[in-house]
């Protein structure tokens, strides 16, 4: 299989490789949320090398060359596609109002927003949500499990990794034909997303003594906040305790 068959194949292979490694890798961790630290640091180093040599330079050039309005259009287009899956996950979590809002965003932006290139829905006051199946599992009470870095995909947890097949299936772009259009769009999507993170990654490089720990702790806190919709109980531990059943 060559690379251009689809990024989804790369994602699935990366996730599968990580799961296979879990059964036999040595651990050197002191953090109970990161018992696979030895493996995770090795994968982090690999991902960082790929980012420094390929993704970051490409994203930097993209940000300098592509006009700002075009970058905004790309970001809006793929954001509109993600709203559809976000809507389904909101409904699965029992958040009917948020699910209806996300569904309405897709309807408005896909029509009046020229296939999502314009974010008319946000201008109309329709709040955007970002929900995935990993958050849905957390809402259902599935603990996150250990921190896990996936090859090429980056930070995750065992729960979020198990949710990846559903997230891939829920990505509308996965079904785009012809395949070469899908692959080009997927490449642009990755580059655009990396471009939006350039400033944040530069700040992390300047501020963090241990970038691995900085990234891990930030990711775990963010995911816990997302599962609890920003209302994390004082004693909540998303690794060991299930998420609450209440909805916003």
Protein backbone atom coordinates (compact mmCIF):
# COMPACT_ATOMS: atom_id res chain seq x y z
CA UNK A 1 0.00 0.00 0.00
CA UNK A 2 1.46 3.39 -0.88
CA UNK A 3 1.05 6.55 1.15
CA UNK A 4 -1.42 8.13 -1.18
CA UNK A 5 -4.10 5.50 -0.55
CA UNK A 6 -5.33 7.61 2.40
CA UNK A 7 -4.19 9.06 5.68
CA UNK A 8 -6.79 6.92 7.42
CA UNK A 9 -4.72 3.83 6.63
CA UNK A 10 -1.67 5.47 8.19
CA UNK A 11 -3.68 6.37 11.26
CA UNK A 12 -5.03 2.86 11.67
CA UNK A 13 -1.58 1.33 11.25
CA UNK A 14 -0.13 3.75 13.79
CA UNK A 15 -2.83 2.91 16.31
CA UNK A 16 -2.43 -0.82 15.71
CA UNK A 17 1.33 -0.60 16.13
CA UNK A 18 0.90 1.17 19.44
CA UNK A 19 -1.51 -1.48 20.72
CA UNK A 20 0.89 -4.28 19.75
CA UNK A 21 3.74 -2.59 21.59
CA UNK A 22 1.72 -2.33 24.80
CA UNK A 23 2.08 -6.02 25.58
CA UNK A 24 5.85 -6.13 25.68
CA UNK A 25 7.46 -2.74 26.24
CA UNK A 26 9.56 -2.00 29.29
CA UNK A 27 8.43 0.79 31.58
CA UNK A 28 10.53 3.37 33.38
CA UNK A 29 7.79 5.70 34.62
CA UNK A 30 7.24 7.26 38.04
CA UNK A 31 4.00 8.98 36.99
CA UNK A 32 1.03 6.62 37.57
CA UNK A 33 -0.72 8.13 34.56
CA UNK A 34 2.28 7.32 32.36
CA UNK A 35 3.43 3.75 33.09
CA UNK A 36 4.63 3.43 29.47
CA UNK A 37 6.94 6.43 29.67
CA UNK A 38 9.94 4.60 28.18
CA UNK A 39 7.99 3.67 25.08
CA UNK A 40 6.21 7.02 24.93
CA UNK A 41 9.44 9.00 25.03
CA UNK A 42 10.86 6.93 22.17
CA UNK A 43 7.78 7.55 20.03
CA UNK A 44 7.79 11.22 21.04
CA UNK A 45 11.36 11.54 19.79
CA UNK A 46 10.39 9.93 16.48
CA UNK A 47 7.36 12.19 16.06
CA UNK A 48 9.40 15.24 16.99
CA UNK A 49 12.00 14.39 14.35
CA UNK A 50 9.28 14.02 11.69
CA UNK A 51 7.77 17.32 12.76
CA UNK A 52 11.06 19.23 12.73
CA UNK A 53 12.20 17.88 9.36
CA UNK A 54 8.89 17.73 7.46
CA UNK A 55 5.75 19.11 9.05
CA UNK A 56 6.98 22.29 10.71
CA UNK A 57 8.97 23.58 7.69
CA UNK A 58 6.05 22.79 5.37
CA UNK A 59 3.54 24.46 7.68
CA UNK A 60 5.80 27.51 8.02
CA UNK A 61 6.03 27.88 4.26
CA UNK A 62 2.26 27.35 3.95
CA UNK A 63 1.56 30.11 6.45
CA UNK A 64 3.91 32.51 4.65
CA UNK A 65 2.80 31.78 1.08
CA UNK A 66 -0.92 31.03 1.27
CA UNK A 67 -3.11 34.14 1.73
CA UNK A 68 -4.79 34.44 5.10
CA UNK A 69 -8.31 34.28 3.67
CA UNK A 70 -7.46 30.99 1.94
CA UNK A 71 -6.09 29.53 5.18
CA UNK A 72 -9.27 30.59 6.96
CA UNK A 73 -11.36 28.96 4.24
CA UNK A 74 -9.47 25.67 4.55
CA UNK A 75 -9.81 25.70 8.32
CA UNK A 76 -13.52 26.51 8.10
CA UNK A 77 -14.16 23.79 5.51
CA UNK A 78 -12.68 20.95 7.53
CA UNK A 79 -14.10 22.40 10.74
CA UNK A 80 -17.55 22.20 9.16
CA UNK A 81 -17.03 18.52 8.37
CA UNK A 82 -15.95 17.83 11.95
CA UNK A 83 -19.12 19.48 13.26
CA UNK A 84 -21.16 16.59 11.86
CA UNK A 85 -19.32 13.99 13.97
CA UNK A 86 -19.32 16.37 16.93
CA UNK A 87 -23.10 16.57 16.64
CA UNK A 88 -23.46 12.78 16.78
CA UNK A 89 -21.19 12.53 19.82
CA UNK A 90 -23.13 15.24 21.63
CA UNK A 91 -26.32 13.26 21.08
CA UNK A 92 -24.60 10.07 22.27
CA UNK A 93 -23.57 11.92 25.43
CA UNK A 94 -27.14 13.05 26.05
CA UNK A 95 -26.42 16.69 25.21
CA UNK A 96 -29.32 17.25 22.86
CA UNK A 97 -29.09 21.03 22.66
CA UNK A 98 -25.39 20.99 21.78
CA UNK A 99 -25.98 18.20 19.26
CA UNK A 100 -28.76 20.16 17.60
CA UNK A 101 -26.56 23.26 17.49
CA UNK A 102 -23.72 21.40 15.80
CA UNK A 103 -26.15 19.86 13.31
CA UNK A 104 -27.52 23.32 12.61
CA UNK A 105 -23.99 24.64 12.08
CA UNK A 106 -23.39 22.04 9.39
CA UNK A 107 -26.67 22.89 7.67
CA UNK A 108 -26.04 26.65 7.74
CA UNK A 109 -22.36 26.58 6.80
CA UNK A 110 -22.80 23.96 4.08
CA UNK A 111 -25.40 26.12 2.34
CA UNK A 112 -25.03 29.81 3.13
CA UNK A 113 -21.35 29.32 3.97
CA UNK A 114 -20.47 27.90 0.51
CA UNK A 115 -19.76 24.29 1.55
CA UNK A 116 -18.28 25.45 4.82
CA UNK A 117 -15.67 27.86 3.46
CA UNK A 118 -17.38 30.63 5.44
CA UNK A 119 -18.31 30.19 9.09
CA UNK A 120 -21.70 31.89 8.95
CA UNK A 121 -22.97 29.86 11.90
CA UNK A 122 -20.47 31.36 14.37
CA UNK A 123 -21.35 34.85 13.20
CA UNK A 124 -24.99 33.97 13.85
CA UNK A 125 -24.16 32.99 17.44
CA UNK A 126 -24.24 29.21 17.01
CA UNK A 127 -21.56 27.88 19.36
CA UNK A 128 -19.07 25.37 17.99
CA UNK A 129 -18.33 22.23 19.99
CA UNK A 130 -15.50 19.75 19.56
CA UNK A 131 -16.62 16.28 20.60
CA UNK A 132 -15.12 12.94 19.63
CA UNK A 133 -15.81 9.32 20.53
CA UNK A 134 -13.06 9.26 23.15
CA UNK A 135 -14.95 11.97 25.04
CA UNK A 136 -18.16 10.02 24.57
CA UNK A 137 -16.59 6.90 26.11
CA UNK A 138 -15.37 9.05 29.00
CA UNK A 139 -18.89 10.40 29.48
CA UNK A 140 -20.15 6.81 29.58
CA UNK A 141 -17.76 6.08 32.44
CA UNK A 142 -14.85 4.48 30.60
CA UNK A 143 -11.59 5.51 32.36
CA UNK A 144 -8.91 7.01 30.18
CA UNK A 145 -6.24 4.45 31.06
CA UNK A 146 -2.52 5.19 30.67
CA UNK A 147 -1.12 8.02 28.60
CA UNK A 148 -0.03 6.81 25.18
CA UNK A 149 1.81 8.52 22.32
CA UNK A 150 0.95 7.14 18.89
CA UNK A 151 3.40 7.13 15.96
CA UNK A 152 2.66 10.16 13.75
CA UNK A 153 -0.64 10.85 15.55
CA UNK A 154 0.82 12.11 18.81
CA UNK A 155 -0.62 12.23 22.34
CA UNK A 156 -3.49 9.93 23.27
CA UNK A 157 -4.65 7.54 25.98
CA UNK A 158 -5.66 3.89 25.81
CA UNK A 159 -9.33 4.93 25.79
CA UNK A 160 -8.83 7.53 23.04
CA UNK A 161 -6.83 5.06 20.99
CA UNK A 162 -9.63 2.50 21.26
CA UNK A 163 -12.02 5.22 20.04
CA UNK A 164 -9.98 6.01 16.91
CA UNK A 165 -11.74 3.54 14.55
CA UNK A 166 -15.07 5.21 15.34
CA UNK A 167 -13.56 8.67 14.89
CA UNK A 168 -12.09 7.66 11.53
CA UNK A 169 -15.42 6.23 10.42
CA UNK A 170 -17.18 9.40 11.53
CA UNK A 171 -14.88 11.64 9.47
CA UNK A 172 -16.86 12.56 6.34
CA UNK A 173 -13.69 13.29 4.39
CA UNK A 174 -12.73 9.62 4.67
CA UNK A 175 -15.39 8.85 2.05
CA UNK A 176 -14.42 11.56 -0.43
CA UNK A 177 -13.93 10.35 -4.00
CA UNK A 178 -11.92 10.22 -6.16
CA UNK A 179 -9.13 9.02 -3.89
CA UNK A 180 -6.55 11.48 -5.21
CA UNK A 181 -8.78 14.40 -4.21
CA UNK A 182 -9.17 12.88 -0.76
CA UNK A 183 -5.42 12.47 -0.39
CA UNK A 184 -4.61 16.01 -1.49
CA UNK A 185 -7.25 17.38 0.85
CA UNK A 186 -5.94 15.27 3.70
CA UNK A 187 -2.43 16.62 3.15
CA UNK A 188 -3.68 20.21 3.10
CA UNK A 189 -5.70 19.53 6.23
CA UNK A 190 -2.65 18.27 8.13
CA UNK A 191 -0.49 21.19 7.02
CA UNK A 192 -3.18 23.74 7.85
CA UNK A 193 -3.68 22.26 11.30
CA UNK A 194 0.07 22.29 11.96
CA UNK A 195 0.25 25.90 10.78
CA UNK A 196 -2.32 26.94 13.37
CA UNK A 197 -0.09 25.44 16.09
CA UNK A 198 3.17 27.15 15.07
CA UNK A 199 2.98 29.88 17.69
CA UNK A 200 1.95 27.47 20.44
CA UNK A 201 4.75 25.02 19.63
CA UNK A 202 7.29 27.84 19.59
CA UNK A 203 6.13 28.95 23.03
CA UNK A 204 6.40 25.40 24.34
CA UNK A 205 9.94 25.04 23.02
CA UNK A 206 10.97 28.27 24.72
CA UNK A 207 9.22 27.67 28.04
CA UNK A 208 9.43 23.95 28.81
CA UNK A 209 12.47 22.36 30.42
CA UNK A 210 11.10 18.92 29.58
CA UNK A 211 8.83 19.27 26.54
CA UNK A 212 7.67 15.67 26.87
CA UNK A 213 6.29 16.23 30.38
CA UNK A 214 4.87 19.61 29.38
CA UNK A 215 2.98 18.03 26.49
CA UNK A 216 1.82 15.01 28.52
CA UNK A 217 0.50 16.98 31.47
CA UNK A 218 -1.20 19.54 29.24
CA UNK A 219 -2.85 16.86 27.12
CA UNK A 220 -4.17 14.86 30.08
CA UNK A 221 -5.57 17.96 31.77
CA UNK A 222 -7.20 19.11 28.54
CA UNK A 223 -8.82 15.75 27.86
CA UNK A 224 -10.16 15.54 31.40
CA UNK A 225 -11.60 19.03 31.03
CA UNK A 226 -13.23 18.07 27.73
CA UNK A 227 -14.89 14.98 29.21
CA UNK A 228 -16.30 17.04 32.09
CA UNK A 229 -17.16 19.97 29.80
CA UNK A 230 -14.82 22.22 31.75
CA UNK A 231 -16.41 21.45 35.13
CA UNK A 232 -13.85 19.03 36.55
CA UNK A 233 -14.65 18.00 40.16
CA UNK A 234 -11.91 18.86 42.62
CA UNK A 235 -11.12 15.23 43.38
CA UNK A 236 -11.73 13.91 39.87
CA UNK A 237 -9.18 11.51 38.49
CA UNK A 238 -10.10 10.61 34.92
CA UNK A 239 -7.48 7.89 34.76
CA UNK A 240 -8.86 5.90 37.69
CA UNK A 241 -12.41 7.17 38.05
CA UNK A 242 -15.27 7.12 35.52
CA UNK A 243 -16.67 10.38 34.21
CA UNK A 244 -19.93 11.65 35.69
CA UNK A 245 -23.20 10.70 34.09
CA UNK A 246 -24.64 14.20 34.34
CA UNK A 247 -24.79 16.29 31.17
CA UNK A 248 -24.60 19.99 30.70
